Amino acid sequence: MREFNKVQVEAAQLRGEANQHLTQGAQLHKSTTETIKSKEVLEAKLLQTEVMKAAAEENLVGAETKIKLLEDVLKGKDQALCKSLEKYNILQEEYRRFAASTSIPNA
C-alpha cells in the first residue's frame, strides 16, 4: 500500500509539474501571439509610411515642376515688362520732342 501511495504522490507531483509547464506554455504562446501581432502592426505602419513617402516624393516632383513653370512664366513676364518699359521710354522721348517742336511761344 505504501508503494501505491508513493506512486500517487509522484503522479500528483508530475501532474503539478505538467500543469506548470502547460501554464508556462500558454503564457509563452500568448506572449508570442502578442509579439506577432505587434510585428504585424509595425509592418503595416512601415508599409503605410513607405506609401506616404512615395506620395510625398511624387508631390515634391510635381511641386518642383510647377515652380520651374512659374519661374519660366515670371521670366517671360519680366522680359515683356522690360520691353514695355523700353517702348514707354521711347514713346515718352518722342512725345517730348514733339511737344518741344510744336510749342507755342509766349506772346
PDB file of N, CA and C in Angstrom:
ATOM      1  N   MET A   1       0.792  -1.176   0.000  1.00  0.00           N
ATOM      2  CA  MET A   1       0.000   0.000   0.000  1.00  0.00           C
ATOM      3  C   MET A   1       0.847   1.259   0.000  1.00  0.00           C
ATOM      4  N   ARG A   2       1.946   1.162   0.751  1.00  0.00           N
ATOM      5  CA  ARG A   2       2.866   2.295   0.760  1.00  0.00           C
ATOM      6  C   ARG A   2       3.355   2.609  -0.634  1.00  0.00           C
ATOM      7  N   GLU A   3       3.644   1.596  -1.357  1.00  0.00           N
ATOM      8  CA  GLU A   3       4.136   1.774  -2.722  1.00  0.00           C
ATOM      9  C   GLU A   3       3.078   2.492  -3.569  1.00  0.00           C
ATOM     10  N   PHE A   4       1.827   2.111  -3.368  1.00  0.00           N
ATOM     11  CA  PHE A   4       0.733   2.714  -4.112  1.00  0.00           C
ATOM     12  C   PHE A   4       0.604   4.200  -3.761  1.00  0.00           C
ATOM     13  N   ASN A   5       0.727   4.518  -2.490  1.00  0.00           N
ATOM     14  CA  ASN A   5       0.661   5.918  -2.053  1.00  0.00           C
ATOM     15  C   ASN A   5       1.836   6.714  -2.607  1.00  0.00           C
ATOM     16  N   LYS A   6       2.963   6.070  -2.610  1.00  0.00           N
ATOM     17  CA  LYS A   6       4.168   6.734  -3.140  1.00  0.00           C
ATOM     18  C   LYS A   6       3.968   7.056  -4.625  1.00  0.00           C
ATOM     19  N   VAL A   7       3.403   6.124  -5.351  1.00  0.00           N
ATOM     20  CA  VAL A   7       3.149   6.318  -6.780  1.00  0.00           C
ATOM     21  C   VAL A   7       2.124   7.427  -6.973  1.00  0.00           C
ATOM     22  N   GLN A   8       1.111   7.454  -6.108  1.00  0.00           N
ATOM     23  CA  GLN A   8       0.101   8.510  -6.217  1.00  0.00           C
ATOM     24  C   GLN A   8       0.714   9.881  -5.942  1.00  0.00           C
ATOM     25  N   VAL A   9       1.590   9.954  -4.971  1.00  0.00           N
ATOM     26  CA  VAL A   9       2.263  11.223  -4.652  1.00  0.00           C
ATOM     27  C   VAL A   9       3.116  11.664  -5.832  1.00  0.00           C
ATOM     28  N   GLU A  10       3.861  10.731  -6.398  1.00  0.00           N
ATOM     29  CA  GLU A  10       4.694  11.059  -7.560  1.00  0.00           C
ATOM     30  C   GLU A  10       3.827  11.481  -8.741  1.00  0.00           C
ATOM     31  N   ALA A  11       2.712  10.796  -8.916  1.00  0.00           N
ATOM     32  CA  ALA A  11       1.800  11.148 -10.012  1.00  0.00           C
ATOM     33  C   ALA A  11       1.242  12.545  -9.798  1.00  0.00           C
ATOM     34  N   ALA A  12       0.904  12.877  -8.575  1.00  0.00           N
ATOM     35  CA  ALA A  12       0.381  14.210  -8.268  1.00  0.00           C
ATOM     36  C   ALA A  12       1.457  15.269  -8.533  1.00  0.00           C
ATOM     37  N   GLN A  13       2.680  14.968  -8.155  1.00  0.00           N
ATOM     38  CA  GLN A  13       3.787  15.897  -8.412  1.00  0.00           C
ATOM     39  C   GLN A  13       3.983  16.101  -9.915  1.00  0.00           C
ATOM     40  N   LEU A  14       3.947  14.983 -10.620  1.00  0.00           N
ATOM     41  CA  LEU A  14       4.105  15.071 -12.082  1.00  0.00           C
ATOM     42  C   LEU A  14       2.961  15.854 -12.714  1.00  0.00           C
ATOM     43  N   ARG A  15       1.709  15.631 -12.200  1.00  0.00           N
ATOM     44  CA  ARG A  15       0.575  16.414 -12.700  1.00  0.00           C
ATOM     45  C   ARG A  15       0.791  17.908 -12.440  1.00  0.00           C
ATOM     46  N   GLY A  16       1.293  18.202 -11.241  1.00  0.00           N
ATOM     47  CA  GLY A  16       1.559  19.606 -10.884  1.00  0.00           C
ATOM     48  C   GLY A  16       2.595  20.218 -11.817  1.00  0.00           C
ATOM     49  N   GLU A  17       3.675  19.461 -12.043  1.00  0.00           N
ATOM     50  CA  GLU A  17       4.725  19.944 -12.952  1.00  0.00           C
ATOM     51  C   GLU A  17       4.176  20.108 -14.364  1.00  0.00           C
ATOM     52  N   ALA A  18       3.350  19.149 -14.785  1.00  0.00           N
ATOM     53  CA  ALA A  18       2.767  19.218 -16.127  1.00  0.00           C
ATOM     54  C   ALA A  18       1.864  20.449 -16.244  1.00  0.00           C
ATOM     55  N   ASN A  19       1.086  20.698 -15.200  1.00  0.00           N
ATOM     56  CA  ASN A  19       0.214  21.880 -15.211  1.00  0.00           C
ATOM     57  C   ASN A  19       1.034  23.166 -15.265  1.00  0.00           C
ATOM     58  N   GLN A  20       2.152  23.198 -14.524  1.00  0.00           N
ATOM     59  CA  GLN A  20       3.040  24.362 -14.574  1.00  0.00           C
ATOM     60  C   GLN A  20       3.583  24.556 -15.985  1.00  0.00           C
ATOM     61  N   HIS A  21       4.007  23.452 -16.595  1.00  0.00           N
ATOM     62  CA  HIS A  21       4.533  23.527 -17.963  1.00  0.00           C
ATOM     63  C   HIS A  21       3.452  23.989 -18.940  1.00  0.00           C
ATOM     64  N   LEU A  22       2.221  23.486 -18.732  1.00  0.00           N
ATOM     65  CA  LEU A  22       1.113  23.920 -19.592  1.00  0.00           C
ATOM     66  C   LEU A  22       0.835  25.414 -19.412  1.00  0.00           C
ATOM     67  N   THR A  23       0.860  25.852 -18.156  1.00  0.00           N
ATOM     68  CA  THR A  23       0.640  27.276 -17.872  1.00  0.00           C
ATOM     69  C   THR A  23       1.733  28.122 -18.502  1.00  0.00           C
ATOM     70  N   GLN A  24       2.989  27.684 -18.311  1.00  0.00           N
ATOM     71  CA  GLN A  24       4.110  28.409 -18.915  1.00  0.00           C
ATOM     72  C   GLN A  24       4.006  28.406 -20.433  1.00  0.00           C
ATOM     73  N   GLY A  25       3.616  27.265 -21.004  1.00  0.00           N
ATOM     74  CA  GLY A  25       3.456  27.165 -22.454  1.00  0.00           C
ATOM     75  C   GLY A  25       2.355  28.092 -22.947  1.00  0.00           C
ATOM     76  N   ALA A  26       1.257  28.158 -22.205  1.00  0.00           N
ATOM     77  CA  ALA A  26       0.148  29.047 -22.585  1.00  0.00           C
ATOM     78  C   ALA A  26       0.592  30.505 -22.513  1.00  0.00           C
ATOM     79  N   GLN A  27       1.336  30.849 -21.458  1.00  0.00           N
ATOM     80  CA  GLN A  27       1.840  32.218 -21.328  1.00  0.00           C
ATOM     81  C   GLN A  27       2.808  32.551 -22.462  1.00  0.00           C
ATOM     82  N   LEU A  28       3.671  31.605 -22.777  1.00  0.00           N
ATOM     83  CA  LEU A  28       4.619  31.802 -23.866  1.00  0.00           C
ATOM     84  C   LEU A  28       3.879  31.945 -25.195  1.00  0.00           C
ATOM     85  N   HIS A  29       2.849  31.132 -25.400  1.00  0.00           N
ATOM     86  CA  HIS A  29       2.047  31.215 -26.620  1.00  0.00           C
ATOM     87  C   HIS A  29       1.357  32.579 -26.710  1.00  0.00           C
ATOM     88  N   LYS A  30       0.797  33.025 -25.592  1.00  0.00           N
ATOM     89  CA  LYS A  30       0.135  34.335 -25.559  1.00  0.00           C
ATOM     90  C   LYS A  30       1.138  35.443 -25.864  1.00  0.00           C
ATOM     91  N   SER A  31       2.296  35.376 -25.236  1.00  0.00           N
ATOM     92  CA  SER A  31       3.344  36.379 -25.460  1.00  0.00           C
ATOM     93  C   SER A  31       3.803  36.367 -26.910  1.00  0.00           C
ATOM     94  N   THR A  32       3.978  35.179 -27.460  1.00  0.00           N
ATOM     95  CA  THR A  32       4.404  35.046 -28.858  1.00  0.00           C
ATOM     96  C   THR A  32       3.348  35.602 -29.798  1.00  0.00           C
ATOM     97  N   THR A  33       2.083  35.293 -29.509  1.00  0.00           N
ATOM     98  CA  THR A  33       0.983  35.800 -30.333  1.00  0.00           C
ATOM     99  C   THR A  33       0.948  37.326 -30.296  1.00  0.00           C
ATOM    100  N   GLU A  34       1.109  37.914 -29.107  1.00  0.00           N
ATOM    101  CA  GLU A  34       1.129  39.367 -28.973  1.00  0.00           C
ATOM    102  C   GLU A  34       2.313  39.974 -29.727  1.00  0.00           C
ATOM    103  N   THR A  35       3.452  39.300 -29.644  1.00  0.00           N
ATOM    104  CA  THR A  35       4.635  39.774 -30.361  1.00  0.00           C
ATOM    105  C   THR A  35       4.399  39.742 -31.867  1.00  0.00           C
ATOM    106  N   ILE A  36       3.789  38.665 -32.339  1.00  0.00           N
ATOM    107  CA  ILE A  36       3.499  38.550 -33.774  1.00  0.00           C
ATOM    108  C   ILE A  36       2.524  39.642 -34.198  1.00  0.00           C
ATOM    109  N   LYS A  37       1.482  39.882 -33.380  1.00  0.00           N
ATOM    110  CA  LYS A  37       0.517  40.941 -33.697  1.00  0.00           C
ATOM    111  C   LYS A  37       1.205  42.298 -33.718  1.00  0.00           C
ATOM    112  N   SER A  38       2.068  42.545 -32.734  1.00  0.00           N
ATOM    113  CA  SER A  38       2.806  43.809 -32.695  1.00  0.00           C
ATOM    114  C   SER A  38       3.679  43.963 -33.937  1.00  0.00           C
ATOM    115  N   LYS A  39       4.321  42.866 -34.322  1.00  0.00           N
ATOM    116  CA  LYS A  39       5.172  42.890 -35.512  1.00  0.00           C
ATOM    117  C   LYS A  39       4.336  43.188 -36.744  1.00  0.00           C
ATOM    118  N   GLU A  40       3.153  42.569 -36.850  1.00  0.00           N
ATOM    119  CA  GLU A  40       2.277  42.810 -37.993  1.00  0.00           C
ATOM    120  C   GLU A  40       1.811  44.259 -38.027  1.00  0.00           C
ATOM    121  N   VAL A  41       1.488  44.810 -36.859  1.00  0.00           N
ATOM    122  CA  VAL A  41       1.073  46.217 -36.780  1.00  0.00           C
ATOM    123  C   VAL A  41       2.215  47.121 -37.223  1.00  0.00           C
ATOM    124  N   LEU A  42       3.419  46.831 -36.732  1.00  0.00           N
ATOM    125  CA  LEU A  42       4.581  47.639 -37.108  1.00  0.00           C
ATOM    126  C   LEU A  42       4.875  47.532 -38.605  1.00  0.00           C
ATOM    127  N   GLU A  43       4.744  46.327 -39.154  1.00  0.00           N
ATOM    128  CA  GLU A  43       4.962  46.153 -40.589  1.00  0.00           C
ATOM    129  C   GLU A  43       3.923  46.925 -41.395  1.00  0.00           C
ATOM    130  N   ALA A  44       2.667  46.919 -40.935  1.00  0.00           N
ATOM    131  CA  ALA A  44       1.609  47.673 -41.620  1.00  0.00           C
ATOM    132  C   ALA A  44       1.892  49.171 -41.556  1.00  0.00           C
ATOM    133  N   LYS A  45       2.353  49.634 -40.396  1.00  0.00           N
ATOM    134  CA  LYS A  45       2.698  51.055 -40.248  1.00  0.00           C
ATOM    135  C   LYS A  45       3.887  51.408 -41.138  1.00  0.00           C
ATOM    136  N   LEU A  46       4.861  50.518 -41.227  1.00  0.00           N
ATOM    137  CA  LEU A  46       6.018  50.746 -42.084  1.00  0.00           C
ATOM    138  C   LEU A  46       5.580  50.840 -43.538  1.00  0.00           C
ATOM    139  N   LEU A  47       4.718  49.921 -43.955  1.00  0.00           N
ATOM    140  CA  LEU A  47       4.215  49.944 -45.327  1.00  0.00           C
ATOM    141  C   LEU A  47       3.447  51.235 -45.589  1.00  0.00           C
ATOM    142  N   GLN A  48       2.618  51.634 -44.646  1.00  0.00           N
ATOM    143  CA  GLN A  48       1.865  52.881 -44.791  1.00  0.00           C
ATOM    144  C   GLN A  48       2.821  54.075 -44.884  1.00  0.00           C
ATOM    145  N   THR A  49       3.868  54.067 -44.086  1.00  0.00           N
ATOM    146  CA  THR A  49       4.859  55.140 -44.119  1.00  0.00           C
ATOM    147  C   THR A  49       5.571  55.172 -45.467  1.00  0.00           C
ATOM    148  N   GLU A  50       5.895  54.002 -46.003  1.00  0.00           N
ATOM    149  CA  GLU A  50       6.554  53.946 -47.309  1.00  0.00           C
ATOM    150  C   GLU A  50       5.638  54.477 -48.408  1.00  0.00           C
ATOM    151  N   VAL A  51       4.347  54.155 -48.323  1.00  0.00           N
ATOM    152  CA  VAL A  51       3.379  54.670 -49.305  1.00  0.00           C
ATOM    153  C   VAL A  51       3.291  56.187 -49.193  1.00  0.00           C
ATOM    154  N   MET A  52       3.226  56.679 -47.960  1.00  0.00           N
ATOM    155  CA  MET A  52       3.155  58.132 -47.751  1.00  0.00           C
ATOM    156  C   MET A  52       4.428  58.809 -48.255  1.00  0.00           C
ATOM    157  N   LYS A  53       5.564  58.177 -48.054  1.00  0.00           N
ATOM    158  CA  LYS A  53       6.831  58.732 -48.527  1.00  0.00           C
ATOM    159  C   LYS A  53       6.834  58.808 -50.044  1.00  0.00           C
ATOM    160  N   ALA A  54       6.373  57.742 -50.702  1.00  0.00           N
ATOM    161  CA  ALA A  54       6.320  57.731 -52.167  1.00  0.00           C
ATOM    162  C   ALA A  54       5.388  58.831 -52.672  1.00  0.00           C
ATOM    163  N   ALA A  55       4.243  58.990 -52.009  1.00  0.00           N
ATOM    164  CA  ALA A  55       3.305  60.051 -52.403  1.00  0.00           C
ATOM    165  C   ALA A  55       3.930  61.425 -52.194  1.00  0.00           C
ATOM    166  N   ALA A  56       4.640  61.590 -51.092  1.00  0.00           N
ATOM    167  CA  ALA A  56       5.295  62.872 -50.817  1.00  0.00           C
ATOM    168  C   ALA A  56       6.371  63.163 -51.865  1.00  0.00           C
ATOM    169  N   GLU A  57       7.102  62.124 -52.264  1.00  0.00           N
ATOM    170  CA  GLU A  57       8.122  62.312 -53.288  1.00  0.00           C
ATOM    171  C   GLU A  57       7.490  62.710 -54.621  1.00  0.00           C
ATOM    172  N   GLU A  58       6.340  62.088 -54.953  1.00  0.00           N
ATOM    173  CA  GLU A  58       5.632  62.460 -56.174  1.00  0.00           C
ATOM    174  C   GLU A  58       5.141  63.901 -56.090  1.00  0.00           C
ATOM    175  N   ASN A  59       4.615  64.270 -54.923  1.00  0.00           N
ATOM    176  CA  ASN A  59       4.161  65.651 -54.723  1.00  0.00           C
ATOM    177  C   ASN A  59       5.322  66.629 -54.850  1.00  0.00           C
ATOM    178  N   LEU A  60       6.476  66.230 -54.333  1.00  0.00           N
ATOM    179  CA  LEU A  60       7.655  67.087 -54.411  1.00  0.00           C
ATOM    180  C   LEU A  60       8.062  67.298 -55.866  1.00  0.00           C
ATOM    181  N   VAL A  61       8.076  66.214 -56.637  1.00  0.00           N
ATOM    182  CA  VAL A  61       8.426  66.326 -58.061  1.00  0.00           C
ATOM    183  C   VAL A  61       7.422  67.233 -58.766  1.00  0.00           C
ATOM    184  N   GLY A  62       6.134  67.052 -58.460  1.00  0.00           N
ATOM    185  CA  GLY A  62       5.103  67.901 -59.056  1.00  0.00           C
ATOM    186  C   GLY A  62       5.288  69.359 -58.663  1.00  0.00           C
ATOM    187  N   ALA A  63       5.603  69.592 -57.402  1.00  0.00           N
ATOM    188  CA  ALA A  63       5.811  70.956 -56.920  1.00  0.00           C
ATOM    189  C   ALA A  63       7.034  71.582 -57.581  1.00  0.00           C
ATOM    190  N   GLU A  64       8.111  70.811 -57.717  1.00  0.00           N
ATOM    191  CA  GLU A  64       9.311  71.330 -58.378  1.00  0.00           C
ATOM    192  C   GLU A  64       9.022  71.675 -59.832  1.00  0.00           C
ATOM    193  N   THR A  65       8.207  70.862 -60.495  1.00  0.00           N
ATOM    194  CA  THR A  65       7.833  71.134 -61.885  1.00  0.00           C
ATOM    195  C   THR A  65       7.010  72.416 -61.963  1.00  0.00           C
ATOM    196  N   LYS A  66       6.058  72.575 -61.036  1.00  0.00           N
ATOM    197  CA  LYS A  66       5.245  73.794 -61.020  1.00  0.00           C
ATOM    198  C   LYS A  66       6.115  75.024 -60.760  1.00  0.00           C
ATOM    199  N   ILE A  67       7.057  74.884 -59.839  1.00  0.00           N
ATOM    200  CA  ILE A  67       7.956  76.007 -59.539  1.00  0.00           C
ATOM    201  C   ILE A  67       8.738  76.395 -60.787  1.00  0.00           C
ATOM    202  N   LYS A  68       9.250  75.400 -61.497  1.00  0.00           N
ATOM    203  CA  LYS A  68      10.009  75.666 -62.728  1.00  0.00           C
ATOM    204  C   LYS A  68       9.123  76.376 -63.749  1.00  0.00           C
ATOM    205  N   LEU A  69       7.899  75.896 -63.922  1.00  0.00           N
ATOM    206  CA  LEU A  69       6.980  76.538 -64.869  1.00  0.00           C
ATOM    207  C   LEU A  69       6.684  77.981 -64.455  1.00  0.00           C
ATOM    208  N   LEU A  70       6.448  78.182 -63.160  1.00  0.00           N
ATOM    209  CA  LEU A  70       6.173  79.539 -62.677  1.00  0.00           C
ATOM    210  C   LEU A  70       7.383  80.453 -62.846  1.00  0.00           C
ATOM    211  N   GLU A  71       8.578  79.906 -62.626  1.00  0.00           N
ATOM    212  CA  GLU A  71       9.790  80.700 -62.853  1.00  0.00           C
ATOM    213  C   GLU A  71       9.900  81.101 -64.317  1.00  0.00           C
ATOM    214  N   ASP A  72       9.582  80.159 -65.211  1.00  0.00           N
ATOM    215  CA  ASP A  72       9.615  80.469 -66.645  1.00  0.00           C
ATOM    216  C   ASP A  72       8.586  81.539 -66.989  1.00  0.00           C
ATOM    217  N   VAL A  73       7.381  81.432 -66.415  1.00  0.00           N
ATOM    218  CA  VAL A  73       6.338  82.433 -66.660  1.00  0.00           C
ATOM    219  C   VAL A  73       6.798  83.793 -66.153  1.00  0.00           C
ATOM    220  N   LEU A  74       7.361  83.801 -64.936  1.00  0.00           N
ATOM    221  CA  LEU A  74       7.851  85.069 -64.380  1.00  0.00           C
ATOM    222  C   LEU A  74       8.959  85.667 -65.238  1.00  0.00           C
ATOM    223  N   LYS A  75       9.852  84.826 -65.721  1.00  0.00           N
ATOM    224  CA  LYS A  75      10.931  85.311 -66.572  1.00  0.00           C
ATOM    225  C   LYS A  75      10.358  85.926 -67.850  1.00  0.00           C
ATOM    226  N   GLY A  76       9.351  85.249 -68.442  1.00  0.00           N
ATOM    227  CA  GLY A  76       8.712  85.773 -69.647  1.00  0.00           C
ATOM    228  C   GLY A  76       8.007  87.091 -69.372  1.00  0.00           C
ATOM    229  N   LYS A  77       7.303  87.181 -68.251  1.00  0.00           N
ATOM    230  CA  LYS A  77       6.613  88.429 -67.895  1.00  0.00           C
ATOM    231  C   LYS A  77       7.615  89.540 -67.605  1.00  0.00           C
ATOM    232  N   ASP A  78       8.721  89.192 -66.985  1.00  0.00           N
ATOM    233  CA  ASP A  78       9.764  90.185 -66.707  1.00  0.00           C
ATOM    234  C   ASP A  78      10.346  90.720 -68.012  1.00  0.00           C
ATOM    235  N   GLN A  79      10.591  89.816 -68.961  1.00  0.00           N
ATOM    236  CA  GLN A  79      11.103  90.257 -70.266  1.00  0.00           C
ATOM    237  C   GLN A  79      10.080  91.133 -70.982  1.00  0.00           C
ATOM    238  N   ALA A  80       8.803  90.753 -70.914  1.00  0.00           N
ATOM    239  CA  ALA A  80       7.749  91.554 -71.543  1.00  0.00           C
ATOM    240  C   ALA A  80       7.654  92.917 -70.874  1.00  0.00           C
ATOM    241  N   LEU A  81       7.791  92.966 -69.575  1.00  0.00           N
ATOM    242  CA  LEU A  81       7.754  94.234 -68.846  1.00  0.00           C
ATOM    243  C   LEU A  81       8.923  95.120 -69.246  1.00  0.00           C
ATOM    244  N   CYS A  82      10.098  94.529 -69.386  1.00  0.00           N
ATOM    245  CA  CYS A  82      11.276  95.301 -69.820  1.00  0.00           C
ATOM    246  C   CYS A  82      11.045  95.889 -71.211  1.00  0.00           C
ATOM    247  N   LYS A  83      10.484  95.101 -72.125  1.00  0.00           N
ATOM    248  CA  LYS A  83      10.202  95.583 -73.474  1.00  0.00           C
ATOM    249  C   LYS A  83       9.170  96.699 -73.434  1.00  0.00           C
ATOM    250  N   SER A  84       8.145  96.544 -72.602  1.00  0.00           N
ATOM    251  CA  SER A  84       7.121  97.580 -72.474  1.00  0.00           C
ATOM    252  C   SER A  84       7.720  98.857 -71.901  1.00  0.00           C
ATOM    253  N   LEU A  85       8.602  98.703 -70.926  1.00  0.00           N
ATOM    254  CA  LEU A  85       9.248  99.870 -70.330  1.00  0.00           C
ATOM    255  C   LEU A  85      10.129 100.582 -71.355  1.00  0.00           C
ATOM    256  N   GLU A  86      10.873  99.818 -72.149  1.00  0.00           N
ATOM    257  CA  GLU A  86      11.697 100.414 -73.208  1.00  0.00           C
ATOM    258  C   GLU A  86      10.819 101.168 -74.209  1.00  0.00           C
ATOM    259  N   LYS A  87       9.706 100.538 -74.614  1.00  0.00           N
ATOM    260  CA  LYS A  87       8.793 101.171 -75.557  1.00  0.00           C
ATOM    261  C   LYS A  87       8.198 102.435 -74.952  1.00  0.00           C
ATOM    262  N   TYR A  88       7.825 102.385 -73.668  1.00  0.00           N
ATOM    263  CA  TYR A  88       7.295 103.553 -72.982  1.00  0.00           C
ATOM    264  C   TYR A  88       8.315 104.691 -72.976  1.00  0.00           C
ATOM    265  N   ASN A  89       9.571 104.371 -72.660  1.00  0.00           N
ATOM    266  CA  ASN A  89      10.623 105.396 -72.629  1.00  0.00           C
ATOM    267  C   ASN A  89      10.816 106.018 -74.016  1.00  0.00           C
ATOM    268  N   ILE A  90      10.782 105.192 -75.073  1.00  0.00           N
ATOM    269  CA  ILE A  90      10.940 105.706 -76.447  1.00  0.00           C
ATOM    270  C   ILE A  90       9.771 106.619 -76.791  1.00  0.00           C
ATOM    271  N   LEU A  91       8.544 106.158 -76.492  1.00  0.00           N
ATOM    272  CA  LEU A  91       7.370 106.978 -76.781  1.00  0.00           C
ATOM    273  C   LEU A  91       7.374 108.275 -75.973  1.00  0.00           C
ATOM    274  N   GLN A  92       7.821 108.202 -74.725  1.00  0.00           N
ATOM    275  CA  GLN A  92       7.889 109.392 -73.884  1.00  0.00           C
ATOM    276  C   GLN A  92       8.884 110.401 -74.469  1.00  0.00           C
ATOM    277  N   GLU A  93      10.020 109.886 -74.932  1.00  0.00           N
ATOM    278  CA  GLU A  93      11.025 110.768 -75.543  1.00  0.00           C
ATOM    279  C   GLU A  93      10.492 111.364 -76.838  1.00  0.00           C
ATOM    280  N   GLU A  94       9.819 110.566 -77.661  1.00  0.00           N
ATOM    281  CA  GLU A  94       9.234 111.081 -78.902  1.00  0.00           C
ATOM    282  C   GLU A  94       8.191 112.142 -78.590  1.00  0.00           C
ATOM    283  N   TYR A  95       7.383 111.938 -77.544  1.00  0.00           N
ATOM    284  CA  TYR A  95       6.383 112.930 -77.171  1.00  0.00           C
ATOM    285  C   TYR A  95       7.048 114.221 -76.720  1.00  0.00           C
ATOM    286  N   ARG A  96       8.129 114.149 -75.945  1.00  0.00           N
ATOM    287  CA  ARG A  96       8.840 115.361 -75.502  1.00  0.00           C
ATOM    288  C   ARG A  96       9.344 116.146 -76.710  1.00  0.00           C
ATOM    289  N   ARG A  97       9.902 115.394 -77.677  1.00  0.00           N
ATOM    290  CA  ARG A  97      10.399 116.078 -78.889  1.00  0.00           C
ATOM    291  C   ARG A  97       9.246 116.738 -79.646  1.00  0.00           C
ATOM    292  N   PHE A  98       8.154 115.982 -79.788  1.00  0.00           N
ATOM    293  CA  PHE A  98       7.009 116.526 -80.476  1.00  0.00           C
ATOM    294  C   PHE A  98       6.472 117.754 -79.753  1.00  0.00           C
ATOM    295  N   ALA A  99       6.343 117.666 -78.444  1.00  0.00           N
ATOM    296  CA  ALA A  99       5.828 118.791 -77.671  1.00  0.00           C
ATOM    297  C   ALA A  99       6.761 119.973 -77.762  1.00  0.00           C
ATOM    298  N   ALA A 100       8.065 119.713 -77.780  1.00  0.00           N
ATOM    299  CA  ALA A 100       9.027 120.812 -77.858  1.00  0.00           C
ATOM    300  C   ALA A 100       8.985 121.465 -79.225  1.00  0.00           C
ATOM    301  N   SER A 101       8.740 120.688 -80.278  1.00  0.00           N
ATOM    302  CA  SER A 101       8.744 121.266 -81.635  1.00  0.00           C
ATOM    303  C   SER A 101       7.437 121.982 -81.959  1.00  0.00           C
ATOM    304  N   THR A 102       6.369 121.676 -81.254  1.00  0.00           N
ATOM    305  CA  THR A 102       5.091 122.316 -81.550  1.00  0.00           C
ATOM    306  C   THR A 102       4.672 123.286 -80.480  1.00  0.00           C
ATOM    307  N   SER A 103       5.565 123.630 -79.617  1.00  0.00           N
ATOM    308  CA  SER A 103       5.164 124.541 -78.546  1.00  0.00           C
ATOM    309  C   SER A 103       4.966 125.946 -79.106  1.00  0.00           C
ATOM    310  N   ILE A 104       3.988 126.615 -78.568  1.00  0.00           N
ATOM    311  CA  ILE A 104       3.677 127.983 -78.999  1.00  0.00           C
ATOM    312  C   ILE A 104       4.468 128.921 -78.088  1.00  0.00           C
ATOM    313  N   PRO A 105       5.215 129.834 -78.743  1.00  0.00           N
ATOM    314  CA  PRO A 105       5.980 130.766 -77.905  1.00  0.00           C
ATOM    315  C   PRO A 105       5.035 131.709 -77.153  1.00  0.00           C
ATOM    316  N   ASN A 106       5.489 132.131 -76.022  1.00  0.00           N
ATOM    317  CA  ASN A 106       4.676 133.063 -75.221  1.00  0.00           C
ATOM    318  C   ASN A 106       4.557 134.379 -75.948  1.00  0.00           C
ATOM    319  N   ALA A 107       3.331 134.885 -76.058  1.00  0.00           N
ATOM    320  CA  ALA A 107       3.124 136.146 -76.783  1.00  0.00           C
ATOM    321  C   ALA A 107       2.921 137.278 -75.860  1.00  0.00           C
TER     322      ALA A 107
END
